[in-house]
Amino acid sequence: MYLTDGGTQTKMTQMEVAYRYSNPPSEAAMRAIDNMREVYGVRRVRFDEKERIVRVEYDASRFKDPVVANLLRRAGLDVQEKLVLA
């Protein structure tokens, strides 16, 4: 996938990471997580509330999955473990 950046094309390495969380996010945490999409490289954030799993699609050429976990924690989500995606 290529993104146009000021008339130039840059290659994007799309990755998805999933984490289990312990407590449902507060309203303030949800707003902060929604704002994560404004961070360049975060494409999508999805929640499975029943399984308490959050999935994040991001541009791996910009940062790695530990940065995603830290963004979620700073937003207020109680991230417990990284899950292996099949």
C-alpha atoms as a PDB file:
ATOM      1  CA  MET A   1       0.000   0.000   0.000  1.00  0.00           C
ATOM      2  CA  TYR A   2       1.264   3.468  -0.832  1.00  0.00           C
ATOM      3  CA  LEU A   3       0.335   6.759   0.751  1.00  0.00           C
ATOM      4  CA  THR A   4       0.806  10.108  -0.923  1.00  0.00           C
ATOM      5  CA  ASP A   5       2.732  12.566   1.200  1.00  0.00           C
ATOM      6  CA  GLY A   6       3.028  15.991  -0.395  1.00  0.00           C
ATOM      7  CA  GLY A   7       3.180  14.611  -3.919  1.00  0.00           C
ATOM      8  CA  THR A   8       5.549  11.739  -3.104  1.00  0.00           C
ATOM      9  CA  GLN A   9       4.574   8.154  -2.487  1.00  0.00           C
ATOM     10  CA  THR A  10       5.769   6.318   0.602  1.00  0.00           C
ATOM     11  CA  LYS A  11       5.379   2.615   1.188  1.00  0.00           C
ATOM     12  CA  MET A  12       3.242   1.607   4.170  1.00  0.00           C
ATOM     13  CA  THR A  13       3.754  -1.690   5.975  1.00  0.00           C
ATOM     14  CA  GLN A  14       0.330  -2.437   7.415  1.00  0.00           C
ATOM     15  CA  MET A  15       0.312  -4.544  10.579  1.00  0.00           C
ATOM     16  CA  GLU A  16      -2.322  -5.548  13.088  1.00  0.00           C
ATOM     17  CA  VAL A  17      -1.732  -6.259  16.748  1.00  0.00           C
ATOM     18  CA  ALA A  18      -4.208  -7.472  19.373  1.00  0.00           C
ATOM     19  CA  TYR A  19      -4.133  -7.078  23.123  1.00  0.00           C
ATOM     20  CA  ARG A  20      -6.312  -8.422  25.908  1.00  0.00           C
ATOM     21  CA  TYR A  21      -7.395  -5.869  28.481  1.00  0.00           C
ATOM     22  CA  SER A  22      -8.801  -6.423  31.965  1.00  0.00           C
ATOM     23  CA  ASN A  23     -11.259  -3.629  32.680  1.00  0.00           C
ATOM     24  CA  PRO A  24     -13.697  -2.038  30.240  1.00  0.00           C
ATOM     25  CA  PRO A  25     -12.397   1.363  29.138  1.00  0.00           C
ATOM     26  CA  SER A  26     -13.933   4.463  30.675  1.00  0.00           C
ATOM     27  CA  GLU A  27     -15.593   7.108  28.538  1.00  0.00           C
ATOM     28  CA  ALA A  28     -12.484   9.279  28.852  1.00  0.00           C
ATOM     29  CA  ALA A  29     -10.268   6.363  27.778  1.00  0.00           C
ATOM     30  CA  MET A  30     -12.497   5.716  24.753  1.00  0.00           C
ATOM     31  CA  ARG A  31     -12.172   9.354  23.693  1.00  0.00           C
ATOM     32  CA  ALA A  32      -8.402   9.172  24.085  1.00  0.00           C
ATOM     33  CA  ILE A  33      -8.258   5.916  22.109  1.00  0.00           C
ATOM     34  CA  ASP A  34     -10.408   7.467  19.404  1.00  0.00           C
ATOM     35  CA  ASN A  35      -7.846  10.278  19.222  1.00  0.00           C
ATOM     36  CA  MET A  36      -5.088   7.690  18.627  1.00  0.00           C
ATOM     37  CA  ARG A  37      -6.233   7.563  15.023  1.00  0.00           C
ATOM     38  CA  GLU A  38      -4.884  11.081  14.662  1.00  0.00           C
ATOM     39  CA  VAL A  39      -1.397   9.721  15.347  1.00  0.00           C
ATOM     40  CA  TYR A  40       0.263   9.198  11.992  1.00  0.00           C
ATOM     41  CA  GLY A  41       0.439   5.480  11.381  1.00  0.00           C
ATOM     42  CA  VAL A  42      -2.583   4.306  13.417  1.00  0.00           C
ATOM     43  CA  ARG A  43      -5.196   3.257  10.868  1.00  0.00           C
ATOM     44  CA  ARG A  44      -7.944   1.604  12.892  1.00  0.00           C
ATOM     45  CA  VAL A  45      -8.827   0.578  16.451  1.00  0.00           C
ATOM     46  CA  ARG A  46     -11.479  -2.110  17.056  1.00  0.00           C
ATOM     47  CA  PHE A  47     -12.846  -3.540  20.294  1.00  0.00           C
ATOM     48  CA  ASP A  48     -14.332  -6.938  21.064  1.00  0.00           C
ATOM     49  CA  GLU A  49     -15.984  -6.100  24.373  1.00  0.00           C
ATOM     50  CA  LYS A  50     -17.159  -9.667  25.038  1.00  0.00           C
ATOM     51  CA  GLU A  51     -13.640 -11.115  24.738  1.00  0.00           C
ATOM     52  CA  ARG A  52     -11.986  -7.924  26.042  1.00  0.00           C
ATOM     53  CA  ILE A  53      -9.684  -7.679  23.059  1.00  0.00           C
ATOM     54  CA  VAL A  54      -8.556  -4.550  21.254  1.00  0.00           C
ATOM     55  CA  ARG A  55      -7.103  -4.753  17.728  1.00  0.00           C
ATOM     56  CA  VAL A  56      -5.054  -1.961  16.237  1.00  0.00           C
ATOM     57  CA  GLU A  57      -4.034  -1.622  12.586  1.00  0.00           C
ATOM     58  CA  TYR A  58      -0.941   0.516  12.174  1.00  0.00           C
ATOM     59  CA  ASP A  59       1.924   1.405   9.843  1.00  0.00           C
ATOM     60  CA  ALA A  60       4.882  -0.721  10.978  1.00  0.00           C
ATOM     61  CA  SER A  61       7.286   1.421   8.973  1.00  0.00           C
ATOM     62  CA  ARG A  62       6.564   4.234  11.473  1.00  0.00           C
ATOM     63  CA  PHE A  63       6.677   2.342  14.792  1.00  0.00           C
ATOM     64  CA  LYS A  64       6.476  -1.123  16.374  1.00  0.00           C
ATOM     65  CA  ASP A  65       3.813  -2.850  18.454  1.00  0.00           C
ATOM     66  CA  PRO A  66       5.285  -1.867  21.883  1.00  0.00           C
ATOM     67  CA  VAL A  67       4.555   1.746  20.906  1.00  0.00           C
ATOM     68  CA  VAL A  68       0.932   0.756  20.180  1.00  0.00           C
ATOM     69  CA  ALA A  69       0.655  -0.867  23.627  1.00  0.00           C
ATOM     70  CA  ASN A  70       2.063   2.277  25.248  1.00  0.00           C
ATOM     71  CA  LEU A  71      -0.392   4.484  23.344  1.00  0.00           C
ATOM     72  CA  LEU A  72      -3.268   2.319  24.607  1.00  0.00           C
ATOM     73  CA  ARG A  73      -1.962   2.429  28.182  1.00  0.00           C
ATOM     74  CA  ARG A  74      -1.475   6.205  28.069  1.00  0.00           C
ATOM     75  CA  ALA A  75      -5.055   6.506  26.818  1.00  0.00           C
ATOM     76  CA  GLY A  76      -6.204   4.661  29.942  1.00  0.00           C
ATOM     77  CA  LEU A  77      -6.723   1.088  28.726  1.00  0.00           C
ATOM     78  CA  ASP A  78      -5.510  -1.630  31.104  1.00  0.00           C
ATOM     79  CA  VAL A  79      -3.531  -3.680  28.545  1.00  0.00           C
ATOM     80  CA  GLN A  80      -2.672  -7.123  29.945  1.00  0.00           C
ATOM     81  CA  GLU A  81      -1.123  -9.212  27.209  1.00  0.00           C
ATOM     82  CA  LYS A  82      -0.287  -9.240  23.536  1.00  0.00           C
ATOM     83  CA  LEU A  83      -2.184 -11.925  21.623  1.00  0.00           C
ATOM     84  CA  VAL A  84      -0.857 -14.047  18.781  1.00  0.00           C
ATOM     85  CA  LEU A  85      -2.914 -13.519  15.631  1.00  0.00           C
ATOM     86  CA  ALA A  86      -3.492 -16.520  13.405  1.00  0.00           C
END
